[in-house]
Amino acid sequence: MSPQSQPVSAPKPSKNVKGKLRFSRKPKNPTGEMTLVEHLQELRRRVIIAVLAVVVGAIIGFIWYQQAPFGISPLGEILRGPYCALPADKRASFSADGECRLLATSPFEMLLLRLKVGALAGTVLSSPVWLYQVWAFVVPGLHKNERRYTLSFLTAAVSLFLAGAVLAYFILSVGLEFLMGIGVEYQTAALTGERYFYFLLALLLIFGISFEIPLLIVSLNLIGVLEYEHVKDKRRIIIVVVMIFAAVVTPGQEPFSMLVLAGALIFLLEIAFQFCRIHDKRMQRQRPEWMDLDDETASPLGAGPGAVGGPTPVAAPTQVHPSPAPSQQVSQPVQQAQRQQPQTWTTGGTGTSSNSGGFFDDVL
């Protein structure tokens, strides 16, 4: 039986010291190479672990929304803190004891709101687990230096997002006071829980995602796409663009949150630009002279930067000789026939004959 046709035997059980049976494990691949099926199995396992972690976190967030474990304030109280920090004359109170509470206008609004907040809290609480699963799935295909850069990138991204979200939480009360103080002589603001939490989460996400822009600039500089020379003279344009961006994305378009977001982004962008300057200096990147020339400026002659080269002399013309005429060749079979079979012919009645050429000579 050939080696290819031999059946694959099952792993043989082995006995340990205590006499129990155990199967030997499949040795790991030292190079980390995997087939397509193994990749899909690994992806399925990572996704299941991440989803289970989010579900467990959502259950904890659902319970934490109303109860206070380990002496921590309930999640609902933490989220409504900026609203309750408003002066009492700028928000409506519908409770007999005057406690700060949000308004619910439908029977299922409180349940759905608690489910949404719990799911979001579960995603945040379980972020170390599912971020690790993403990292563990990607890292086998990376080199050592790429692993270091990826880990640094993820750490900086999470830190910047949390910094933006915390900043948005602390300035929310100021923005709400400005918005709800407009027309207070004729109206009293009564926010529902759904609208308030939508405004709060939108502000947190916008600040957190906006704080990732400086990290994007640093990443583009590290891979060589964006250099400091490209942005060092465009700070005024960048400031105007940042102000417009903050005015558009800020929920409610109130000026205080817009100015805080724009100021924080300008500060972080300046730090990113200085990082690009130092990194380019270490990499000794120099801007070529031809990039500073005007579009209408002609390139100089010579061998300098951007030059097209100086004129070169043209070689003297050479005499052209006519090619020799092709010689008439006779095929080899015809020559052999002339040598082997000489022709004899007679003219008129004189009886003279000729053996000089034959019939083929007249034809050829």
Protein backbone atom coordinates (compact mmCIF):
# COMPACT_ATOMS: atom_id res chain seq x y z
CA MET A 1 0.00 0.00 0.00
CA SER A 2 1.37 3.37 -1.02
CA PRO A 3 1.92 6.06 1.62
CA GLN A 4 -0.73 8.26 0.04
CA SER A 5 -3.44 5.59 0.27
CA GLN A 6 -2.79 4.71 3.91
CA PRO A 7 -5.65 5.80 6.20
CA VAL A 8 -4.95 8.45 8.79
CA SER A 9 -4.95 6.88 12.22
CA ALA A 10 -6.69 8.55 15.13
CA PRO A 11 -4.55 10.01 17.89
CA LYS A 12 -3.55 7.30 20.27
CA PRO A 13 -4.58 7.75 23.88
CA SER A 14 -1.80 7.84 26.38
CA LYS A 15 -1.80 7.07 30.07
CA ASN A 16 -0.57 9.48 32.66
CA VAL A 17 0.75 8.61 36.05
CA LYS A 18 -2.69 8.23 37.63
CA GLY A 19 -3.88 5.85 34.91
CA LYS A 20 -6.35 8.22 33.25
CA LEU A 21 -6.60 8.37 29.47
CA ARG A 22 -5.81 11.58 27.65
CA PHE A 23 -5.34 12.47 23.99
CA SER A 24 -2.24 14.22 22.77
CA ARG A 25 -2.88 17.74 21.49
CA LYS A 26 -2.08 18.86 18.00
CA PRO A 27 1.24 20.71 18.00
CA LYS A 28 1.01 24.41 17.27
CA ASN A 29 2.41 25.81 14.08
CA PRO A 30 5.55 27.79 14.98
CA THR A 31 5.19 30.08 11.95
CA GLY A 32 1.55 30.95 12.73
CA GLU A 33 0.33 29.90 9.26
CA MET A 34 -3.33 28.90 9.03
CA THR A 35 -5.60 27.60 6.31
CA LEU A 36 -8.78 29.41 5.26
CA VAL A 37 -10.94 27.04 7.31
CA GLU A 38 -8.76 27.58 10.37
CA HIS A 39 -9.02 31.36 9.90
CA LEU A 40 -12.81 31.13 9.76
CA GLN A 41 -12.90 28.94 12.85
CA GLU A 42 -10.65 31.37 14.70
CA LEU A 43 -12.85 34.31 13.62
CA ARG A 44 -15.98 32.50 14.80
CA ARG A 45 -14.43 31.78 18.19
CA ARG A 46 -13.31 35.41 18.64
CA VAL A 47 -16.72 36.78 17.61
CA ILE A 48 -18.56 34.47 20.02
CA ILE A 49 -16.34 35.51 22.93
CA ALA A 50 -16.79 39.21 22.08
CA VAL A 51 -20.59 38.90 21.79
CA LEU A 52 -20.82 37.03 25.09
CA ALA A 53 -18.73 39.73 26.77
CA VAL A 54 -21.02 42.46 25.41
CA VAL A 55 -24.12 40.57 26.57
CA VAL A 56 -22.72 40.16 30.08
CA GLY A 57 -21.76 43.84 30.13
CA ALA A 58 -25.24 44.84 28.94
CA ILE A 59 -26.82 42.85 31.80
CA ILE A 60 -24.53 44.61 34.27
CA GLY A 61 -25.39 47.99 32.71
CA PHE A 62 -29.12 47.23 32.85
CA ILE A 63 -28.85 46.46 36.57
CA TRP A 64 -26.49 49.37 37.23
CA TYR A 65 -28.92 51.82 35.59
CA GLN A 66 -31.18 51.82 38.68
CA GLN A 67 -29.14 50.21 41.45
CA ALA A 68 -25.87 51.28 43.06
CA PRO A 69 -23.43 48.35 43.45
CA PHE A 70 -20.33 48.73 45.65
CA GLY A 71 -21.38 52.21 46.77
CA ILE A 72 -21.23 53.67 43.25
CA SER A 73 -23.96 56.03 42.11
CA PRO A 74 -26.56 54.50 39.76
CA LEU A 75 -25.85 54.93 36.07
CA GLY A 76 -29.12 56.80 35.51
CA GLU A 77 -28.19 59.33 38.17
CA ILE A 78 -24.72 59.83 36.66
CA LEU A 79 -26.15 60.47 33.20
CA ARG A 80 -28.84 62.88 34.37
CA GLY A 81 -26.32 64.82 36.48
CA PRO A 82 -25.75 67.64 33.93
CA TYR A 83 -29.52 68.14 33.58
CA CYS A 84 -30.09 68.24 37.34
CA ALA A 85 -27.20 70.72 37.69
CA LEU A 86 -29.35 73.35 35.98
CA PRO A 87 -31.05 75.98 38.12
CA ALA A 88 -34.49 74.89 39.32
CA ASP A 89 -36.21 77.76 37.49
CA LYS A 90 -34.94 76.53 34.10
CA ARG A 91 -36.36 72.98 34.23
CA ALA A 92 -39.80 71.66 34.96
CA SER A 93 -40.46 69.50 38.03
CA PHE A 94 -43.34 67.01 38.04
CA SER A 95 -42.61 65.24 41.34
CA ALA A 96 -44.29 66.08 44.63
CA ASP A 97 -40.99 66.30 46.52
CA GLY A 98 -39.34 68.51 43.87
CA GLU A 99 -36.71 65.89 42.95
CA CYS A 100 -35.05 66.30 39.55
CA ARG A 101 -36.50 63.75 37.14
CA LEU A 102 -36.83 63.43 33.39
CA LEU A 103 -40.18 63.14 31.66
CA ALA A 104 -41.61 60.00 30.01
CA THR A 105 -44.42 60.39 27.49
CA SER A 106 -45.11 56.75 26.56
CA PRO A 107 -45.58 53.51 28.57
CA PHE A 108 -42.53 51.76 27.07
CA GLU A 109 -40.21 54.76 26.98
CA MET A 110 -38.56 54.07 30.34
CA LEU A 111 -38.01 50.37 29.56
CA LEU A 112 -36.60 51.01 26.09
CA LEU A 113 -34.39 53.79 27.40
CA ARG A 114 -33.03 51.54 30.12
CA LEU A 115 -32.32 48.81 27.56
CA LYS A 116 -30.49 51.23 25.25
CA VAL A 117 -28.39 52.73 28.03
CA GLY A 118 -27.61 49.26 29.39
CA ALA A 119 -26.50 48.03 25.97
CA LEU A 120 -24.25 51.05 25.49
CA ALA A 121 -22.81 50.64 28.98
CA GLY A 122 -22.21 46.95 28.29
CA THR A 123 -20.30 47.80 25.11
CA VAL A 124 -18.09 50.21 27.04
CA LEU A 125 -17.57 47.91 30.02
CA SER A 126 -16.70 44.92 27.83
CA SER A 127 -14.41 46.94 25.54
CA PRO A 128 -11.21 45.42 27.02
CA VAL A 129 -12.48 41.95 26.12
CA TRP A 130 -13.64 42.54 22.54
CA LEU A 131 -10.70 44.84 21.80
CA TYR A 132 -8.38 42.05 22.91
CA GLN A 133 -10.24 39.59 20.66
CA VAL A 134 -9.73 41.90 17.69
CA TRP A 135 -6.09 42.30 18.62
CA ALA A 136 -5.54 38.53 19.06
CA PHE A 137 -7.11 37.83 15.65
CA VAL A 138 -5.02 40.41 13.79
CA VAL A 139 -1.66 40.13 15.55
CA PRO A 140 -0.52 36.73 14.09
CA GLY A 141 -0.26 38.33 10.64
CA LEU A 142 1.85 41.28 11.78
CA HIS A 143 5.59 41.70 12.15
CA LYS A 144 7.19 42.63 15.45
CA ASN A 145 7.42 46.36 14.69
CA GLU A 146 3.86 46.36 13.29
CA ARG A 147 2.58 44.83 16.52
CA ARG A 148 4.25 47.56 18.53
CA TYR A 149 2.78 50.31 16.32
CA THR A 150 -0.70 48.74 16.35
CA LEU A 151 -0.73 48.42 20.14
CA SER A 152 0.40 52.04 20.52
CA PHE A 153 -2.25 53.16 18.02
CA LEU A 154 -5.06 51.36 19.87
CA THR A 155 -3.93 52.73 23.23
CA ALA A 156 -3.79 56.29 21.93
CA ALA A 157 -7.16 55.93 20.15
CA VAL A 158 -8.96 54.69 23.28
CA SER A 159 -7.32 57.37 25.46
CA LEU A 160 -8.27 60.19 23.08
CA PHE A 161 -11.85 58.95 22.76
CA LEU A 162 -12.28 58.76 26.54
CA ALA A 163 -10.72 62.23 26.95
CA GLY A 164 -13.19 63.70 24.46
CA ALA A 165 -16.17 61.97 26.08
CA VAL A 166 -15.19 63.15 29.58
CA LEU A 167 -14.74 66.72 28.34
CA ALA A 168 -18.17 66.62 26.69
CA TYR A 169 -19.80 65.35 29.90
CA PHE A 170 -18.43 68.21 32.01
CA ILE A 171 -19.39 70.97 29.56
CA LEU A 172 -22.86 69.57 28.90
CA SER A 173 -24.45 71.43 31.79
CA VAL A 174 -23.11 74.76 30.52
CA GLY A 175 -24.47 74.13 27.04
CA LEU A 176 -27.85 73.04 28.38
CA GLU A 177 -28.10 76.12 30.57
CA PHE A 178 -27.50 78.34 27.56
CA LEU A 179 -30.00 76.53 25.35
CA MET A 180 -32.71 76.22 27.99
CA GLY A 181 -32.27 79.81 29.17
CA ILE A 182 -33.41 81.24 25.84
CA GLY A 183 -37.00 82.42 26.30
CA VAL A 184 -37.18 81.34 29.93
CA GLU A 185 -39.56 84.23 30.61
CA TYR A 186 -42.26 82.51 28.56
CA GLN A 187 -41.36 78.78 28.61
CA THR A 188 -40.22 76.07 30.99
CA ALA A 189 -38.12 73.25 29.58
CA ALA A 190 -39.37 69.73 30.28
CA LEU A 191 -37.02 67.26 28.60
CA THR A 192 -38.01 63.65 28.08
CA GLY A 193 -35.52 60.95 28.94
CA GLU A 194 -35.25 59.85 25.31
CA ARG A 195 -34.43 63.30 23.94
CA TYR A 196 -32.05 64.14 26.76
CA PHE A 197 -30.06 60.92 26.51
CA TYR A 198 -29.96 61.23 22.71
CA PHE A 199 -28.47 64.72 23.08
CA LEU A 200 -26.00 63.49 25.72
CA LEU A 201 -24.82 60.44 23.76
CA ALA A 202 -24.53 62.46 20.54
CA LEU A 203 -22.30 65.00 22.27
CA LEU A 204 -20.14 62.27 23.83
CA LEU A 205 -19.67 60.47 20.52
CA ILE A 206 -18.94 63.65 18.55
CA PHE A 207 -16.29 64.80 21.01
CA GLY A 208 -14.75 61.33 21.26
CA ILE A 209 -14.56 60.77 17.49
CA SER A 210 -13.32 64.31 16.82
CA PHE A 211 -10.40 63.75 19.18
CA GLU A 212 -9.21 60.97 16.84
CA ILE A 213 -8.37 63.45 14.04
CA PRO A 214 -4.90 64.35 15.43
CA LEU A 215 -4.10 60.64 15.69
CA LEU A 216 -5.04 60.23 12.02
CA ILE A 217 -2.63 63.03 11.06
CA VAL A 218 0.19 61.42 13.05
CA SER A 219 -0.51 58.07 11.37
CA LEU A 220 -0.38 59.61 7.90
CA ASN A 221 2.95 61.21 8.77
CA LEU A 222 4.41 57.96 10.05
CA ILE A 223 3.62 56.14 6.81
CA GLY A 224 5.03 58.99 4.71
CA VAL A 225 1.78 60.31 3.18
CA LEU A 226 1.65 63.67 5.01
CA GLU A 227 4.71 65.79 5.77
CA TYR A 228 5.09 68.82 7.99
CA GLU A 229 6.08 70.97 5.00
CA HIS A 230 2.60 70.45 3.56
CA VAL A 231 0.77 71.95 6.56
CA LYS A 232 3.16 74.36 8.26
CA ASP A 233 1.98 77.37 6.21
CA LYS A 234 -1.75 76.48 6.30
CA ARG A 235 -2.61 77.01 9.96
CA ARG A 236 -5.07 79.82 9.27
CA ILE A 237 -6.99 77.69 6.80
CA ILE A 238 -6.98 74.77 9.23
CA ILE A 239 -8.36 76.95 12.06
CA VAL A 240 -11.22 78.15 9.84
CA VAL A 241 -12.01 74.58 8.76
CA VAL A 242 -11.99 73.40 12.39
CA MET A 243 -14.37 76.17 13.43
CA ILE A 244 -16.78 75.30 10.62
CA PHE A 245 -16.53 71.60 11.50
CA ALA A 246 -17.30 72.29 15.17
CA ALA A 247 -20.26 74.50 14.28
CA VAL A 248 -21.75 71.81 12.04
CA VAL A 249 -21.29 68.68 14.16
CA THR A 250 -22.08 70.13 17.61
CA PRO A 251 -25.63 69.09 18.58
CA GLY A 252 -27.83 72.07 19.26
CA GLN A 253 -25.24 74.38 17.63
CA GLU A 254 -24.83 76.24 20.91
CA PRO A 255 -21.69 78.43 20.95
CA PHE A 256 -20.06 77.21 24.16
CA SER A 257 -19.74 73.56 23.14
CA MET A 258 -18.68 74.64 19.66
CA LEU A 259 -15.88 76.86 21.02
CA VAL A 260 -14.69 74.19 23.45
CA LEU A 261 -14.59 71.53 20.72
CA ALA A 262 -12.81 73.85 18.28
CA GLY A 263 -10.27 74.99 20.89
CA ALA A 264 -9.50 71.43 21.97
CA LEU A 265 -9.08 70.30 18.35
CA ILE A 266 -6.78 73.21 17.48
CA PHE A 267 -4.64 72.43 20.53
CA LEU A 268 -4.42 68.71 19.66
CA LEU A 269 -3.74 69.46 15.99
CA GLU A 270 -0.84 71.72 16.95
CA ILE A 271 0.61 68.90 19.05
CA ALA A 272 0.21 66.56 16.06
CA PHE A 273 1.95 69.07 13.75
CA GLN A 274 4.88 69.41 16.15
CA PHE A 275 5.16 65.64 16.25
CA CYS A 276 5.25 65.61 12.45
CA ARG A 277 7.98 68.28 12.45
CA ILE A 278 10.16 66.35 14.88
CA HIS A 279 9.59 63.07 13.07
CA ASP A 280 10.44 64.57 9.68
CA LYS A 281 13.59 66.11 11.13
CA ARG A 282 14.66 62.76 12.51
CA MET A 283 13.96 61.12 9.15
CA GLN A 284 15.87 63.99 7.44
CA ARG A 285 13.12 64.74 4.99
CA GLN A 286 13.87 67.80 2.88
CA ARG A 287 11.50 69.61 0.58
CA PRO A 288 12.89 69.73 -3.00
CA GLU A 289 13.47 73.20 -4.43
CA TRP A 290 11.34 72.61 -7.53
CA MET A 291 8.18 72.27 -5.35
CA ASP A 292 8.48 75.95 -4.35
CA LEU A 293 8.61 77.20 -7.96
CA ASP A 294 5.63 78.84 -9.61
CA ASP A 295 3.69 76.86 -12.20
CA GLU A 296 4.67 79.36 -14.92
CA THR A 297 8.39 79.22 -14.14
CA ALA A 298 10.48 77.40 -16.74
CA SER A 299 12.80 74.65 -15.61
CA PRO A 300 16.50 75.70 -15.70
CA LEU A 301 19.03 74.12 -18.00
CA GLY A 302 21.86 72.21 -16.42
CA ALA A 303 22.16 69.43 -13.89
CA GLY A 304 20.60 71.09 -10.80
CA PRO A 305 17.33 70.14 -9.05
CA GLY A 306 14.46 70.15 -11.50
CA ALA A 307 16.75 70.79 -14.48
CA VAL A 308 16.12 69.23 -17.85
CA GLY A 309 19.79 68.96 -18.84
CA GLY A 310 22.00 71.16 -21.02
CA PRO A 311 22.26 71.05 -24.84
CA THR A 312 24.44 68.35 -26.38
CA PRO A 313 26.22 68.55 -29.80
CA VAL A 314 24.75 66.69 -32.75
CA ALA A 315 26.98 64.14 -34.49
CA ALA A 316 28.24 64.92 -38.03
CA PRO A 317 26.39 63.26 -40.92
CA THR A 318 27.95 60.15 -42.45
CA GLN A 319 28.06 59.18 -46.18
CA VAL A 320 25.44 56.71 -47.30
CA HIS A 321 26.79 53.94 -49.68
CA PRO A 322 24.44 52.14 -52.08
CA SER A 323 23.92 48.50 -51.31
CA PRO A 324 25.18 45.97 -53.94
CA ALA A 325 22.64 44.48 -56.38
CA PRO A 326 21.45 41.02 -55.49
CA SER A 327 23.12 38.28 -57.57
CA GLN A 328 21.01 35.88 -59.63
CA GLN A 329 21.25 32.43 -58.19
CA VAL A 330 20.29 29.19 -59.82
CA SER A 331 18.75 26.55 -57.75
CA GLN A 332 20.85 23.49 -56.95
CA PRO A 333 18.53 20.91 -58.60
CA VAL A 334 18.68 22.80 -61.89
CA GLN A 335 22.48 22.94 -61.81
CA GLN A 336 22.68 19.20 -61.17
CA ALA A 337 20.31 18.51 -64.06
CA GLN A 338 22.49 20.59 -66.39
CA ARG A 339 25.62 18.69 -65.44
CA GLN A 340 24.12 15.20 -65.61
CA GLN A 341 21.86 15.40 -68.72
CA PRO A 342 23.42 17.56 -71.48
CA GLN A 343 20.99 18.38 -74.30
CA THR A 344 21.78 18.03 -78.07
CA TRP A 345 19.70 19.78 -80.66
CA THR A 346 19.88 20.14 -84.52
CA THR A 347 19.01 23.23 -86.56
CA GLY A 348 17.41 22.98 -90.02
CA GLY A 349 18.95 20.63 -92.52
CA THR A 350 22.58 21.54 -91.93
CA GLY A 351 22.99 18.85 -89.33
CA THR A 352 24.91 21.07 -87.02
CA SER A 353 24.49 20.29 -83.34
CA SER A 354 25.38 22.13 -80.17
CA ASN A 355 26.21 20.82 -76.67
CA SER A 356 27.09 24.17 -75.14
CA GLY A 357 23.99 25.07 -73.13
CA GLY A 358 20.88 23.12 -73.87
CA PHE A 359 17.27 24.02 -73.37
CA PHE A 360 17.65 25.27 -69.78
CA ASP A 361 20.19 27.88 -70.85
CA ASP A 362 17.67 29.47 -73.23
CA VAL A 363 14.98 29.44 -70.58
CA LEU A 364 17.15 30.78 -67.77
